[in-house]
Amino acid sequence: MNDPTSRRNDAEAMAPETAADMSPGDMVPAEQVKAALEAAAEFKDKMLRSLAEMENLRRRTEREVADARQYGVTSFARDVLQVADNMHRALDVIGDELRNSNDANVKSLVEGLDLTERELMKVLEKHGVKIFSPLGEKFDPNFHQAMFEIADSSHAPGTVAQVVQAGYLIGDRVLRPAMVAVAKAAPKPQVPSANDNGGAAS
């Protein structure tokens, strides 16, 4: 006859033996948990570093592509500036007499030169190239190339008193500095000394 009490006692007696029979692999020591957490933290750190590097690479690539798009024509634009300079010189040579000439051929030639220069400047601006003429501005060696100094009372010392040749920017970079004359302070008048008595006779 099966006694329920005896079956319960038998189960309780077997329980400690079952726990004792568990292999070390079935139990997780605290050291293994700690090692697993450290490995996970290290993996997370490496993953975050990799993501940051990828983001930096993406931004650097975008910046390089933008620079290539904006400044890729630098060498070509610098060569075209020589053509623009010649156009400016040609138009500077033309005086009011030729511009107001009644000769249809001369008038057509002048208008053609004006139109060509305007179109050339539009094309340069389309590709990010802009002309600048710093007359009256403070001399800045990053944008201006000083050719000589002149005494000019109409301009403060250290400012651009004359633009010999206009400068050009491409984007925010100097394609060619402006060639300028810089105003210098007027010489101070000499104060006559006590000995300068006009050569009085002794």
C-alpha atoms as a PDB file:
ATOM      1  CA  MET A   1       0.000   0.000   0.000  1.00  0.00           C
ATOM      2  CA  ASN A   2       1.421   3.357  -1.063  1.00  0.00           C
ATOM      3  CA  ASP A   3       1.542   5.891   1.748  1.00  0.00           C
ATOM      4  CA  PRO A   4       1.497   9.543   0.574  1.00  0.00           C
ATOM      5  CA  THR A   5       3.585  10.548   3.552  1.00  0.00           C
ATOM      6  CA  SER A   6       6.306   8.094   2.685  1.00  0.00           C
ATOM      7  CA  ARG A   7       6.372   9.301  -0.970  1.00  0.00           C
ATOM      8  CA  ARG A   8       6.849  12.918   0.219  1.00  0.00           C
ATOM      9  CA  ASN A   9       9.685  11.921   2.503  1.00  0.00           C
ATOM     10  CA  ASP A  10      11.336  10.006  -0.318  1.00  0.00           C
ATOM     11  CA  ALA A  11      11.162  13.094  -2.616  1.00  0.00           C
ATOM     12  CA  GLU A  12      12.625  15.335   0.093  1.00  0.00           C
ATOM     13  CA  ALA A  13      15.407  12.892   0.686  1.00  0.00           C
ATOM     14  CA  MET A  14      16.274  12.815  -3.028  1.00  0.00           C
ATOM     15  CA  ALA A  15      16.310  16.622  -3.493  1.00  0.00           C
ATOM     16  CA  PRO A  16      19.701  17.261  -1.881  1.00  0.00           C
ATOM     17  CA  GLU A  17      21.217  14.430  -3.871  1.00  0.00           C
ATOM     18  CA  THR A  18      19.844  15.926  -7.120  1.00  0.00           C
ATOM     19  CA  ALA A  19      21.401  19.367  -6.366  1.00  0.00           C
ATOM     20  CA  ALA A  20      24.652  17.719  -5.413  1.00  0.00           C
ATOM     21  CA  ASP A  21      24.669  15.760  -8.635  1.00  0.00           C
ATOM     22  CA  MET A  22      24.604  19.010 -10.798  1.00  0.00           C
ATOM     23  CA  SER A  23      27.780  19.442 -12.850  1.00  0.00           C
ATOM     24  CA  PRO A  24      29.918  22.624 -12.529  1.00  0.00           C
ATOM     25  CA  GLY A  25      28.905  23.591 -16.074  1.00  0.00           C
ATOM     26  CA  ASP A  26      25.253  23.757 -15.003  1.00  0.00           C
ATOM     27  CA  MET A  27      26.054  26.385 -12.346  1.00  0.00           C
ATOM     28  CA  VAL A  28      27.159  30.001 -13.281  1.00  0.00           C
ATOM     29  CA  PRO A  29      29.754  31.390 -10.880  1.00  0.00           C
ATOM     30  CA  ALA A  30      29.922  35.153 -10.189  1.00  0.00           C
ATOM     31  CA  GLU A  31      33.290  35.368 -11.991  1.00  0.00           C
ATOM     32  CA  GLN A  32      31.729  34.170 -15.254  1.00  0.00           C
ATOM     33  CA  VAL A  33      28.935  36.764 -14.959  1.00  0.00           C
ATOM     34  CA  LYS A  34      31.505  39.489 -14.325  1.00  0.00           C
ATOM     35  CA  ALA A  35      33.601  38.376 -17.321  1.00  0.00           C
ATOM     36  CA  ALA A  36      30.531  38.303 -19.547  1.00  0.00           C
ATOM     37  CA  LEU A  37      29.537  41.834 -18.488  1.00  0.00           C
ATOM     38  CA  GLU A  38      33.070  43.131 -19.126  1.00  0.00           C
ATOM     39  CA  ALA A  39      33.115  41.490 -22.568  1.00  0.00           C
ATOM     40  CA  ALA A  40      29.754  43.039 -23.389  1.00  0.00           C
ATOM     41  CA  ALA A  41      30.954  46.472 -22.258  1.00  0.00           C
ATOM     42  CA  GLU A  42      34.118  46.130 -24.348  1.00  0.00           C
ATOM     43  CA  PHE A  43      32.086  45.080 -27.388  1.00  0.00           C
ATOM     44  CA  LYS A  44      29.735  48.040 -26.885  1.00  0.00           C
ATOM     45  CA  ASP A  45      32.684  50.430 -26.636  1.00  0.00           C
ATOM     46  CA  LYS A  46      34.220  49.052 -29.860  1.00  0.00           C
ATOM     47  CA  MET A  47      30.874  49.296 -31.622  1.00  0.00           C
ATOM     48  CA  LEU A  48      30.398  52.928 -30.532  1.00  0.00           C
ATOM     49  CA  ARG A  49      33.940  53.785 -31.648  1.00  0.00           C
ATOM     50  CA  SER A  50      33.301  52.163 -35.028  1.00  0.00           C
ATOM     51  CA  LEU A  51      30.053  54.105 -35.443  1.00  0.00           C
ATOM     52  CA  ALA A  52      31.834  57.363 -34.550  1.00  0.00           C
ATOM     53  CA  GLU A  53      34.618  56.621 -37.049  1.00  0.00           C
ATOM     54  CA  MET A  54      32.069  55.859 -39.752  1.00  0.00           C
ATOM     55  CA  GLU A  55      30.253  59.131 -39.038  1.00  0.00           C
ATOM     56  CA  ASN A  56      33.526  61.073 -39.189  1.00  0.00           C
ATOM     57  CA  LEU A  57      34.416  59.343 -42.456  1.00  0.00           C
ATOM     58  CA  ARG A  58      31.001  60.208 -43.898  1.00  0.00           C
ATOM     59  CA  ARG A  59      31.341  63.876 -42.946  1.00  0.00           C
ATOM     60  CA  ARG A  60      34.915  64.058 -44.257  1.00  0.00           C
ATOM     61  CA  THR A  61      33.845  62.470 -47.544  1.00  0.00           C
ATOM     62  CA  GLU A  62      30.939  64.900 -47.910  1.00  0.00           C
ATOM     63  CA  ARG A  63      33.297  67.815 -47.217  1.00  0.00           C
ATOM     64  CA  GLU A  64      35.849  66.554 -49.756  1.00  0.00           C
ATOM     65  CA  VAL A  65      33.152  66.089 -52.385  1.00  0.00           C
ATOM     66  CA  ALA A  66      31.848  69.616 -51.730  1.00  0.00           C
ATOM     67  CA  ASP A  67      35.388  71.040 -51.935  1.00  0.00           C
ATOM     68  CA  ALA A  68      36.071  69.154 -55.155  1.00  0.00           C
ATOM     69  CA  ARG A  69      32.838  70.500 -56.627  1.00  0.00           C
ATOM     70  CA  GLN A  70      33.564  74.075 -55.554  1.00  0.00           C
ATOM     71  CA  TYR A  71      37.338  74.276 -55.988  1.00  0.00           C
ATOM     72  CA  GLY A  72      37.891  71.740 -58.760  1.00  0.00           C
ATOM     73  CA  VAL A  73      37.963  74.529 -61.358  1.00  0.00           C
ATOM     74  CA  THR A  74      40.633  76.533 -59.514  1.00  0.00           C
ATOM     75  CA  SER A  75      43.441  75.867 -61.983  1.00  0.00           C
ATOM     76  CA  PHE A  76      41.220  76.519 -64.990  1.00  0.00           C
ATOM     77  CA  ALA A  77      39.739  79.670 -63.425  1.00  0.00           C
ATOM     78  CA  ARG A  78      43.220  81.027 -62.690  1.00  0.00           C
ATOM     79  CA  ASP A  79      44.090  80.666 -66.385  1.00  0.00           C
ATOM     80  CA  VAL A  80      40.840  82.345 -67.449  1.00  0.00           C
ATOM     81  CA  LEU A  81      41.701  85.351 -65.265  1.00  0.00           C
ATOM     82  CA  GLN A  82      44.395  86.280 -67.786  1.00  0.00           C
ATOM     83  CA  VAL A  83      41.677  86.597 -70.426  1.00  0.00           C
ATOM     84  CA  ALA A  84      39.580  88.699 -68.038  1.00  0.00           C
ATOM     85  CA  ASP A  85      42.580  90.956 -67.352  1.00  0.00           C
ATOM     86  CA  ASN A  86      43.092  91.536 -71.067  1.00  0.00           C
ATOM     87  CA  MET A  87      39.404  92.378 -71.466  1.00  0.00           C
ATOM     88  CA  HIS A  88      39.627  94.897 -68.606  1.00  0.00           C
ATOM     89  CA  ARG A  89      42.745  96.495 -70.118  1.00  0.00           C
ATOM     90  CA  ALA A  90      41.102  96.754 -73.528  1.00  0.00           C
ATOM     91  CA  LEU A  91      38.054  98.463 -72.042  1.00  0.00           C
ATOM     92  CA  ASP A  92      40.217 100.805 -69.920  1.00  0.00           C
ATOM     93  CA  VAL A  93      42.045 101.949 -73.045  1.00  0.00           C
ATOM     94  CA  ILE A  94      38.779 102.892 -74.741  1.00  0.00           C
ATOM     95  CA  GLY A  95      38.101 106.485 -73.867  1.00  0.00           C
ATOM     96  CA  ASP A  96      34.910 108.490 -73.911  1.00  0.00           C
ATOM     97  CA  GLU A  97      35.711 109.670 -77.430  1.00  0.00           C
ATOM     98  CA  LEU A  98      35.544 106.144 -78.841  1.00  0.00           C
ATOM     99  CA  ARG A  99      32.523 105.230 -76.736  1.00  0.00           C
ATOM    100  CA  ASN A 100      30.643 108.258 -78.038  1.00  0.00           C
ATOM    101  CA  SER A 101      31.823 107.796 -81.611  1.00  0.00           C
ATOM    102  CA  ASN A 102      29.304 108.149 -84.398  1.00  0.00           C
ATOM    103  CA  ASP A 103      31.075 105.448 -86.367  1.00  0.00           C
ATOM    104  CA  ALA A 104      28.793 102.415 -86.339  1.00  0.00           C
ATOM    105  CA  ASN A 105      31.721  99.982 -86.591  1.00  0.00           C
ATOM    106  CA  VAL A 106      33.538 101.497 -83.615  1.00  0.00           C
ATOM    107  CA  LYS A 107      30.345 101.594 -81.578  1.00  0.00           C
ATOM    108  CA  SER A 108      29.642  97.962 -82.416  1.00  0.00           C
ATOM    109  CA  LEU A 109      33.177  96.966 -81.410  1.00  0.00           C
ATOM    110  CA  VAL A 110      32.936  98.731 -78.046  1.00  0.00           C
ATOM    111  CA  GLU A 111      29.526  97.219 -77.315  1.00  0.00           C
ATOM    112  CA  GLY A 112      30.870  93.793 -78.262  1.00  0.00           C
ATOM    113  CA  LEU A 113      33.775  94.159 -75.829  1.00  0.00           C
ATOM    114  CA  ASP A 114      31.434  95.287 -73.035  1.00  0.00           C
ATOM    115  CA  LEU A 115      29.099  92.373 -73.678  1.00  0.00           C
ATOM    116  CA  THR A 116      31.950  89.863 -73.797  1.00  0.00           C
ATOM    117  CA  GLU A 117      33.370  91.123 -70.504  1.00  0.00           C
ATOM    118  CA  ARG A 118      29.975  90.939 -68.762  1.00  0.00           C
ATOM    119  CA  GLU A 119      29.384  87.430 -70.070  1.00  0.00           C
ATOM    120  CA  LEU A 120      32.837  86.332 -68.951  1.00  0.00           C
ATOM    121  CA  MET A 121      32.239  87.663 -65.439  1.00  0.00           C
ATOM    122  CA  LYS A 122      28.855  85.900 -65.305  1.00  0.00           C
ATOM    123  CA  VAL A 123      30.475  82.592 -66.245  1.00  0.00           C
ATOM    124  CA  LEU A 124      33.155  83.052 -63.569  1.00  0.00           C
ATOM    125  CA  GLU A 125      30.527  83.894 -60.932  1.00  0.00           C
ATOM    126  CA  LYS A 126      28.513  80.850 -61.970  1.00  0.00           C
ATOM    127  CA  HIS A 127      31.504  78.731 -60.949  1.00  0.00           C
ATOM    128  CA  GLY A 128      32.038  80.566 -57.656  1.00  0.00           C
ATOM    129  CA  VAL A 129      34.673  83.064 -58.829  1.00  0.00           C
ATOM    130  CA  LYS A 130      34.076  86.664 -57.739  1.00  0.00           C
ATOM    131  CA  ILE A 131      36.071  89.806 -58.355  1.00  0.00           C
ATOM    132  CA  PHE A 132      36.873  92.191 -55.496  1.00  0.00           C
ATOM    133  CA  SER A 133      38.395  95.655 -55.473  1.00  0.00           C
ATOM    134  CA  PRO A 134      39.445  96.666 -51.927  1.00  0.00           C
ATOM    135  CA  LEU A 135      39.836 100.413 -52.434  1.00  0.00           C
ATOM    136  CA  GLY A 136      39.694 102.182 -49.071  1.00  0.00           C
ATOM    137  CA  GLU A 137      39.818  98.944 -47.079  1.00  0.00           C
ATOM    138  CA  LYS A 138      42.451  98.195 -44.459  1.00  0.00           C
ATOM    139  CA  PHE A 139      45.409  96.385 -45.989  1.00  0.00           C
ATOM    140  CA  ASP A 140      45.183  92.637 -45.376  1.00  0.00           C
ATOM    141  CA  PRO A 141      48.118  90.490 -46.559  1.00  0.00           C
ATOM    142  CA  ASN A 142      45.763  87.504 -46.777  1.00  0.00           C
ATOM    143  CA  PHE A 143      43.810  89.200 -49.575  1.00  0.00           C
ATOM    144  CA  HIS A 144      46.066  91.981 -50.850  1.00  0.00           C
ATOM    145  CA  GLN A 145      49.528  92.154 -52.345  1.00  0.00           C
ATOM    146  CA  ALA A 146      51.240  95.473 -51.657  1.00  0.00           C
ATOM    147  CA  MET A 147      53.042  96.818 -54.720  1.00  0.00           C
ATOM    148  CA  PHE A 148      54.164 100.148 -53.274  1.00  0.00           C
ATOM    149  CA  GLU A 149      53.296 102.848 -50.725  1.00  0.00           C
ATOM    150  CA  ILE A 150      51.977 106.276 -51.549  1.00  0.00           C
ATOM    151  CA  ALA A 151      51.333 109.396 -49.494  1.00  0.00           C
ATOM    152  CA  ASP A 152      47.610 110.015 -49.876  1.00  0.00           C
ATOM    153  CA  SER A 153      45.861 112.299 -47.427  1.00  0.00           C
ATOM    154  CA  SER A 154      42.446 111.097 -48.630  1.00  0.00           C
ATOM    155  CA  HIS A 155      43.096 107.610 -47.210  1.00  0.00           C
ATOM    156  CA  ALA A 156      44.097 106.610 -43.696  1.00  0.00           C
ATOM    157  CA  PRO A 157      47.587 105.145 -43.335  1.00  0.00           C
ATOM    158  CA  GLY A 158      47.579 101.370 -43.805  1.00  0.00           C
ATOM    159  CA  THR A 159      44.548 101.364 -46.105  1.00  0.00           C
ATOM    160  CA  VAL A 160      44.367 100.614 -49.816  1.00  0.00           C
ATOM    161  CA  ALA A 161      44.777 103.914 -51.656  1.00  0.00           C
ATOM    162  CA  GLN A 162      44.914 102.462 -55.163  1.00  0.00           C
ATOM    163  CA  VAL A 163      43.999  99.124 -56.774  1.00  0.00           C
ATOM    164  CA  VAL A 164      46.564  98.245 -59.415  1.00  0.00           C
ATOM    165  CA  GLN A 165      44.854  94.969 -60.291  1.00  0.00           C
ATOM    166  CA  ALA A 166      41.605  93.573 -58.890  1.00  0.00           C
ATOM    167  CA  GLY A 167      41.645  90.359 -56.881  1.00  0.00           C
ATOM    168  CA  TYR A 168      39.499  87.250 -57.218  1.00  0.00           C
ATOM    169  CA  LEU A 169      37.957  84.830 -54.729  1.00  0.00           C
ATOM    170  CA  ILE A 170      36.786  81.302 -55.404  1.00  0.00           C
ATOM    171  CA  GLY A 171      34.324  80.341 -52.698  1.00  0.00           C
ATOM    172  CA  ASP A 172      35.930  81.690 -49.524  1.00  0.00           C
ATOM    173  CA  ARG A 173      39.496  81.226 -50.783  1.00  0.00           C
ATOM    174  CA  VAL A 174      41.755  83.711 -52.512  1.00  0.00           C
ATOM    175  CA  LEU A 175      42.198  82.766 -56.149  1.00  0.00           C
ATOM    176  CA  ARG A 176      44.413  85.776 -56.783  1.00  0.00           C
ATOM    177  CA  PRO A 177      45.207  88.586 -54.339  1.00  0.00           C
ATOM    178  CA  ALA A 178      44.477  92.159 -55.332  1.00  0.00           C
ATOM    179  CA  MET A 179      47.591  94.140 -56.229  1.00  0.00           C
ATOM    180  CA  VAL A 180      47.373  97.411 -54.357  1.00  0.00           C
ATOM    181  CA  ALA A 181      49.125 100.585 -53.309  1.00  0.00           C
ATOM    182  CA  VAL A 182      49.006 101.236 -49.576  1.00  0.00           C
ATOM    183  CA  ALA A 183      48.595 104.688 -48.108  1.00  0.00           C
ATOM    184  CA  LYS A 184      51.354 105.829 -45.777  1.00  0.00           C
ATOM    185  CA  ALA A 185      51.406 108.598 -43.242  1.00  0.00           C
ATOM    186  CA  ALA A 186      52.509 111.977 -44.572  1.00  0.00           C
ATOM    187  CA  PRO A 187      55.949 113.009 -43.364  1.00  0.00           C
ATOM    188  CA  LYS A 188      55.884 115.233 -40.329  1.00  0.00           C
ATOM    189  CA  PRO A 189      56.924 118.828 -41.018  1.00  0.00           C
ATOM    190  CA  GLN A 190      60.354 119.627 -39.687  1.00  0.00           C
ATOM    191  CA  VAL A 191      60.409 122.119 -36.855  1.00  0.00           C
ATOM    192  CA  PRO A 192      63.179 124.671 -37.437  1.00  0.00           C
ATOM    193  CA  SER A 193      65.807 124.548 -34.737  1.00  0.00           C
ATOM    194  CA  ALA A 194      67.107 127.551 -32.777  1.00  0.00           C
ATOM    195  CA  ASN A 195      70.303 127.496 -34.843  1.00  0.00           C
ATOM    196  CA  ASP A 196      68.340 128.092 -38.072  1.00  0.00           C
ATOM    197  CA  ASN A 197      68.395 131.893 -37.783  1.00  0.00           C
ATOM    198  CA  GLY A 198      68.447 132.579 -41.453  1.00  0.00           C
ATOM    199  CA  GLY A 199      72.204 133.005 -41.584  1.00  0.00           C
ATOM    200  CA  ALA A 200      72.386 136.210 -39.569  1.00  0.00           C
ATOM    201  CA  ALA A 201      75.672 138.035 -39.867  1.00  0.00           C
ATOM    202  CA  SER A 202      78.086 137.762 -36.975  1.00  0.00           C
END
